[in-house]
Amino acid sequence: MTDHQQKPGQQKPGQQKPGGIPWPPLIYIAAIAVSIALGLLYPLPWIGGLLGDILFAAGWVALFGVVALWFTAIRTMIRAKTTLHPNAVPDHLVTTGPFAVSRNPIYLANTLLMIGVALISGNAWFLLLAIIAAFATQKMAIEGEEKVLATKFGKKYRDYAKKVRRWI
């Protein structure tokens, strides 16, 4: 490969980098760690009781959905021959599979993971920090990624963004 050739997903000189954080899943990893620590140090009241079994079951359903969403989104991206790295410039605009329902199915799955763990564990901090992590991800990663997609794919991306919501 010569100096002028570019690997798929590699950033071109002068090309805008998608996100403002080195690796967006770090937001969720930090939120999970903080949820665990706060749950141990300062537990919040939980709405268990009569709803406990229903919430527990709903949490497991959410976690199975998370796994399905992750695998389906990753498989769709691989089939589209685009990068999986959130800070690499995408090679193709993916609009099929879970991307036909959410523009950010992997970030959505990360948020649902935290909600599912909250329902299973009864740790209310997971719910609060899931909302904070989703907001932080939107501000620190998604909005930058969307600017790059709009620049690279133009009208095709803008039309897609009009049809498909950012989250759900």
C-alpha atoms as a PDB file:
ATOM      1  CA  MET A   1       0.000   0.000   0.000  1.00  0.00           C
ATOM      2  CA  THR A   2       1.416   3.380  -0.942  1.00  0.00           C
ATOM      3  CA  ASP A   3       1.216   6.533   1.170  1.00  0.00           C
ATOM      4  CA  HIS A   4      -1.725   7.771  -0.927  1.00  0.00           C
ATOM      5  CA  GLN A   5      -3.846   4.653  -0.517  1.00  0.00           C
ATOM      6  CA  GLN A   6      -6.279   4.541   2.333  1.00  0.00           C
ATOM      7  CA  LYS A   7      -7.563   1.615   4.351  1.00  0.00           C
ATOM      8  CA  PRO A   8     -11.374   1.320   4.622  1.00  0.00           C
ATOM      9  CA  GLY A   9     -12.694   3.410   7.515  1.00  0.00           C
ATOM     10  CA  GLN A  10      -9.416   5.308   7.844  1.00  0.00           C
ATOM     11  CA  GLN A  11      -9.622   9.055   8.289  1.00  0.00           C
ATOM     12  CA  LYS A  12      -8.392  11.128   5.354  1.00  0.00           C
ATOM     13  CA  PRO A  13      -6.145  14.115   6.060  1.00  0.00           C
ATOM     14  CA  GLY A  14      -8.330  17.092   6.990  1.00  0.00           C
ATOM     15  CA  GLN A  15     -11.410  14.881   7.339  1.00  0.00           C
ATOM     16  CA  GLN A  16     -13.610  15.490  10.368  1.00  0.00           C
ATOM     17  CA  LYS A  17     -13.426  12.839  13.087  1.00  0.00           C
ATOM     18  CA  PRO A  18     -16.880  11.463  13.996  1.00  0.00           C
ATOM     19  CA  GLY A  19     -17.016  11.666  17.784  1.00  0.00           C
ATOM     20  CA  GLY A  20     -15.598  13.858  20.480  1.00  0.00           C
ATOM     21  CA  ILE A  21     -14.643  10.987  22.770  1.00  0.00           C
ATOM     22  CA  PRO A  22     -11.918   8.433  21.945  1.00  0.00           C
ATOM     23  CA  TRP A  23     -14.185   5.400  22.375  1.00  0.00           C
ATOM     24  CA  PRO A  24     -17.893   6.153  23.089  1.00  0.00           C
ATOM     25  CA  PRO A  25     -18.577   2.857  24.934  1.00  0.00           C
ATOM     26  CA  LEU A  26     -16.334   4.273  27.690  1.00  0.00           C
ATOM     27  CA  ILE A  27     -19.276   6.458  28.672  1.00  0.00           C
ATOM     28  CA  TYR A  28     -21.355   3.366  29.409  1.00  0.00           C
ATOM     29  CA  ILE A  29     -18.492   1.520  31.100  1.00  0.00           C
ATOM     30  CA  ALA A  30     -18.009   4.507  33.416  1.00  0.00           C
ATOM     31  CA  ALA A  31     -21.761   4.736  34.057  1.00  0.00           C
ATOM     32  CA  ILE A  32     -21.899   1.031  34.971  1.00  0.00           C
ATOM     33  CA  ALA A  33     -18.941   1.376  37.356  1.00  0.00           C
ATOM     34  CA  VAL A  34     -20.469   4.452  39.008  1.00  0.00           C
ATOM     35  CA  SER A  35     -23.867   2.702  39.274  1.00  0.00           C
ATOM     36  CA  ILE A  36     -22.304  -0.255  41.060  1.00  0.00           C
ATOM     37  CA  ALA A  37     -20.300   1.960  43.423  1.00  0.00           C
ATOM     38  CA  LEU A  38     -23.243   4.231  44.255  1.00  0.00           C
ATOM     39  CA  GLY A  39     -25.532   1.225  44.668  1.00  0.00           C
ATOM     40  CA  LEU A  40     -23.171  -0.192  47.277  1.00  0.00           C
ATOM     41  CA  LEU A  41     -22.418   3.097  49.047  1.00  0.00           C
ATOM     42  CA  TYR A  42     -25.762   4.911  48.764  1.00  0.00           C
ATOM     43  CA  PRO A  43     -28.546   2.512  47.789  1.00  0.00           C
ATOM     44  CA  LEU A  44     -31.721   4.158  46.532  1.00  0.00           C
ATOM     45  CA  PRO A  45     -35.218   2.846  47.272  1.00  0.00           C
ATOM     46  CA  TRP A  46     -36.588   0.419  44.686  1.00  0.00           C
ATOM     47  CA  ILE A  47     -40.171  -0.211  43.575  1.00  0.00           C
ATOM     48  CA  GLY A  48     -39.853  -3.993  44.015  1.00  0.00           C
ATOM     49  CA  GLY A  49     -42.488  -5.584  46.239  1.00  0.00           C
ATOM     50  CA  LEU A  50     -45.435  -6.800  44.173  1.00  0.00           C
ATOM     51  CA  LEU A  51     -43.758  -5.726  40.940  1.00  0.00           C
ATOM     52  CA  GLY A  52     -40.436  -7.343  41.849  1.00  0.00           C
ATOM     53  CA  ASP A  53     -40.905 -10.543  39.834  1.00  0.00           C
ATOM     54  CA  ILE A  54     -42.344  -8.694  36.846  1.00  0.00           C
ATOM     55  CA  LEU A  55     -39.476  -6.175  36.843  1.00  0.00           C
ATOM     56  CA  PHE A  56     -36.940  -8.985  37.227  1.00  0.00           C
ATOM     57  CA  ALA A  57     -38.423 -10.848  34.244  1.00  0.00           C
ATOM     58  CA  ALA A  58     -38.631  -7.639  32.199  1.00  0.00           C
ATOM     59  CA  GLY A  59     -34.957  -7.023  32.936  1.00  0.00           C
ATOM     60  CA  TRP A  60     -33.995 -10.405  31.511  1.00  0.00           C
ATOM     61  CA  VAL A  61     -36.170  -9.823  28.445  1.00  0.00           C
ATOM     62  CA  ALA A  62     -34.383  -6.486  27.978  1.00  0.00           C
ATOM     63  CA  LEU A  63     -30.962  -8.157  28.249  1.00  0.00           C
ATOM     64  CA  PHE A  64     -31.867 -10.791  25.658  1.00  0.00           C
ATOM     65  CA  GLY A  65     -33.075  -7.962  23.421  1.00  0.00           C
ATOM     66  CA  VAL A  66     -29.781  -6.140  23.960  1.00  0.00           C
ATOM     67  CA  VAL A  67     -27.764  -9.154  22.844  1.00  0.00           C
ATOM     68  CA  ALA A  68     -29.972  -9.621  19.774  1.00  0.00           C
ATOM     69  CA  LEU A  69     -29.713  -5.921  18.915  1.00  0.00           C
ATOM     70  CA  TRP A  70     -25.917  -5.868  19.301  1.00  0.00           C
ATOM     71  CA  PHE A  71     -25.390  -8.943  17.133  1.00  0.00           C
ATOM     72  CA  THR A  72     -27.884  -7.848  14.495  1.00  0.00           C
ATOM     73  CA  ALA A  73     -26.398  -4.344  14.263  1.00  0.00           C
ATOM     74  CA  ILE A  74     -22.827  -5.648  14.073  1.00  0.00           C
ATOM     75  CA  ARG A  75     -23.772  -8.272  11.478  1.00  0.00           C
ATOM     76  CA  THR A  76     -25.545  -5.603   9.402  1.00  0.00           C
ATOM     77  CA  MET A  77     -22.467  -3.360   9.511  1.00  0.00           C
ATOM     78  CA  ILE A  78     -20.157  -6.231   8.547  1.00  0.00           C
ATOM     79  CA  ARG A  79     -22.414  -7.167   5.633  1.00  0.00           C
ATOM     80  CA  ALA A  80     -22.399  -3.527   4.498  1.00  0.00           C
ATOM     81  CA  LYS A  81     -18.582  -3.645   4.594  1.00  0.00           C
ATOM     82  CA  THR A  82     -18.310  -0.575   6.800  1.00  0.00           C
ATOM     83  CA  THR A  83     -16.248   0.062   9.891  1.00  0.00           C
ATOM     84  CA  LEU A  84     -17.350  -1.039  13.342  1.00  0.00           C
ATOM     85  CA  HIS A  85     -15.111   1.510  15.068  1.00  0.00           C
ATOM     86  CA  PRO A  86     -17.240   4.436  16.272  1.00  0.00           C
ATOM     87  CA  ASN A  87     -14.541   7.034  15.570  1.00  0.00           C
ATOM     88  CA  ALA A  88     -13.618   5.834  12.096  1.00  0.00           C
ATOM     89  CA  VAL A  89     -15.183   7.444   9.062  1.00  0.00           C
ATOM     90  CA  PRO A  90     -17.781   4.988   7.705  1.00  0.00           C
ATOM     91  CA  ASP A  91     -17.357   3.550   4.231  1.00  0.00           C
ATOM     92  CA  HIS A  92     -21.089   3.043   3.610  1.00  0.00           C
ATOM     93  CA  LEU A  93     -24.338   4.415   4.999  1.00  0.00           C
ATOM     94  CA  VAL A  94     -26.130   1.521   6.705  1.00  0.00           C
ATOM     95  CA  THR A  95     -29.926   1.867   6.592  1.00  0.00           C
ATOM     96  CA  THR A  96     -31.113  -1.740   6.839  1.00  0.00           C
ATOM     97  CA  GLY A  97     -31.688  -4.146   9.706  1.00  0.00           C
ATOM     98  CA  PRO A  98     -31.878  -2.396  13.074  1.00  0.00           C
ATOM     99  CA  PHE A  99     -30.610   0.797  11.392  1.00  0.00           C
ATOM    100  CA  ALA A 100     -34.023   1.011   9.682  1.00  0.00           C
ATOM    101  CA  VAL A 101     -35.578   1.549  13.139  1.00  0.00           C
ATOM    102  CA  SER A 102     -32.853   3.461  15.010  1.00  0.00           C
ATOM    103  CA  ARG A 103     -29.912   5.434  13.648  1.00  0.00           C
ATOM    104  CA  ASN A 104     -27.928   4.318  16.701  1.00  0.00           C
ATOM    105  CA  PRO A 105     -28.936   0.756  17.585  1.00  0.00           C
ATOM    106  CA  ILE A 106     -25.669  -0.055  19.371  1.00  0.00           C
ATOM    107  CA  TYR A 107     -25.896   2.994  21.642  1.00  0.00           C
ATOM    108  CA  LEU A 108     -29.569   2.153  22.171  1.00  0.00           C
ATOM    109  CA  ALA A 109     -28.558  -1.390  23.166  1.00  0.00           C
ATOM    110  CA  ASN A 110     -25.991  -0.007  25.615  1.00  0.00           C
ATOM    111  CA  THR A 111     -28.695   2.115  27.256  1.00  0.00           C
ATOM    112  CA  LEU A 112     -31.124  -0.826  27.370  1.00  0.00           C
ATOM    113  CA  LEU A 113     -28.371  -2.930  28.952  1.00  0.00           C
ATOM    114  CA  MET A 114     -28.211  -0.541  31.882  1.00  0.00           C
ATOM    115  CA  ILE A 115     -32.000  -0.441  32.194  1.00  0.00           C
ATOM    116  CA  GLY A 116     -32.176  -4.243  32.120  1.00  0.00           C
ATOM    117  CA  VAL A 117     -29.517  -4.542  34.825  1.00  0.00           C
ATOM    118  CA  ALA A 118     -31.459  -2.024  36.936  1.00  0.00           C
ATOM    119  CA  LEU A 119     -34.622  -4.111  36.644  1.00  0.00           C
ATOM    120  CA  ILE A 120     -32.798  -7.342  37.505  1.00  0.00           C
ATOM    121  CA  SER A 121     -30.664  -5.986  40.334  1.00  0.00           C
ATOM    122  CA  GLY A 122     -33.046  -3.442  41.833  1.00  0.00           C
ATOM    123  CA  ASN A 123     -30.256  -0.843  41.696  1.00  0.00           C
ATOM    124  CA  ALA A 124     -32.009   2.420  40.807  1.00  0.00           C
ATOM    125  CA  TRP A 125     -28.662   4.089  40.094  1.00  0.00           C
ATOM    126  CA  PHE A 126     -28.507   2.088  36.857  1.00  0.00           C
ATOM    127  CA  LEU A 127     -31.723   3.772  35.663  1.00  0.00           C
ATOM    128  CA  LEU A 128     -30.524   7.261  36.509  1.00  0.00           C
ATOM    129  CA  LEU A 129     -27.081   6.730  35.007  1.00  0.00           C
ATOM    130  CA  ALA A 130     -28.558   5.084  31.878  1.00  0.00           C
ATOM    131  CA  ILE A 131     -30.313   8.375  31.137  1.00  0.00           C
ATOM    132  CA  ILE A 132     -27.170  10.380  31.875  1.00  0.00           C
ATOM    133  CA  ALA A 133     -25.021   8.034  29.736  1.00  0.00           C
ATOM    134  CA  ALA A 134     -27.478   8.266  26.827  1.00  0.00           C
ATOM    135  CA  PHE A 135     -27.468  12.076  27.022  1.00  0.00           C
ATOM    136  CA  ALA A 136     -23.660  12.180  27.261  1.00  0.00           C
ATOM    137  CA  THR A 137     -23.335   9.776  24.324  1.00  0.00           C
ATOM    138  CA  GLN A 138     -25.646  11.933  22.237  1.00  0.00           C
ATOM    139  CA  LYS A 139     -23.689  15.102  23.011  1.00  0.00           C
ATOM    140  CA  MET A 140     -20.161  13.630  22.947  1.00  0.00           C
ATOM    141  CA  ALA A 141     -20.465  11.068  20.151  1.00  0.00           C
ATOM    142  CA  ILE A 142     -23.708  10.910  18.172  1.00  0.00           C
ATOM    143  CA  GLU A 143     -23.976  14.574  17.200  1.00  0.00           C
ATOM    144  CA  GLY A 144     -20.408  14.546  15.862  1.00  0.00           C
ATOM    145  CA  GLU A 145     -20.971  11.260  14.051  1.00  0.00           C
ATOM    146  CA  GLU A 146     -24.097  12.693  12.425  1.00  0.00           C
ATOM    147  CA  LYS A 147     -22.179  15.723  11.127  1.00  0.00           C
ATOM    148  CA  VAL A 148     -19.622  13.426   9.521  1.00  0.00           C
ATOM    149  CA  LEU A 149     -22.367  11.275   7.971  1.00  0.00           C
ATOM    150  CA  ALA A 150     -24.173  14.356   6.633  1.00  0.00           C
ATOM    151  CA  THR A 151     -20.928  15.661   5.135  1.00  0.00           C
ATOM    152  CA  LYS A 152     -19.934  12.334   3.597  1.00  0.00           C
ATOM    153  CA  PHE A 153     -23.317  11.085   2.377  1.00  0.00           C
ATOM    154  CA  GLY A 154     -25.189  14.384   1.872  1.00  0.00           C
ATOM    155  CA  LYS A 155     -28.832  14.131   0.791  1.00  0.00           C
ATOM    156  CA  LYS A 156     -28.870  10.362   1.219  1.00  0.00           C
ATOM    157  CA  TYR A 157     -28.075  10.765   4.931  1.00  0.00           C
ATOM    158  CA  ARG A 158     -30.432  13.720   5.416  1.00  0.00           C
ATOM    159  CA  ASP A 159     -33.306  11.719   3.879  1.00  0.00           C
ATOM    160  CA  TYR A 160     -32.453   8.754   6.112  1.00  0.00           C
ATOM    161  CA  ALA A 161     -32.327  11.013   9.199  1.00  0.00           C
ATOM    162  CA  LYS A 162     -35.796  12.379   8.354  1.00  0.00           C
ATOM    163  CA  LYS A 163     -37.245   8.846   8.171  1.00  0.00           C
ATOM    164  CA  VAL A 164     -35.426   7.138  11.063  1.00  0.00           C
ATOM    165  CA  ARG A 165     -35.251   8.519  14.589  1.00  0.00           C
ATOM    166  CA  ARG A 166     -31.961   8.999  16.402  1.00  0.00           C
ATOM    167  CA  TRP A 167     -32.844   6.586  19.219  1.00  0.00           C
ATOM    168  CA  ILE A 168     -36.281   4.964  18.760  1.00  0.00           C
END
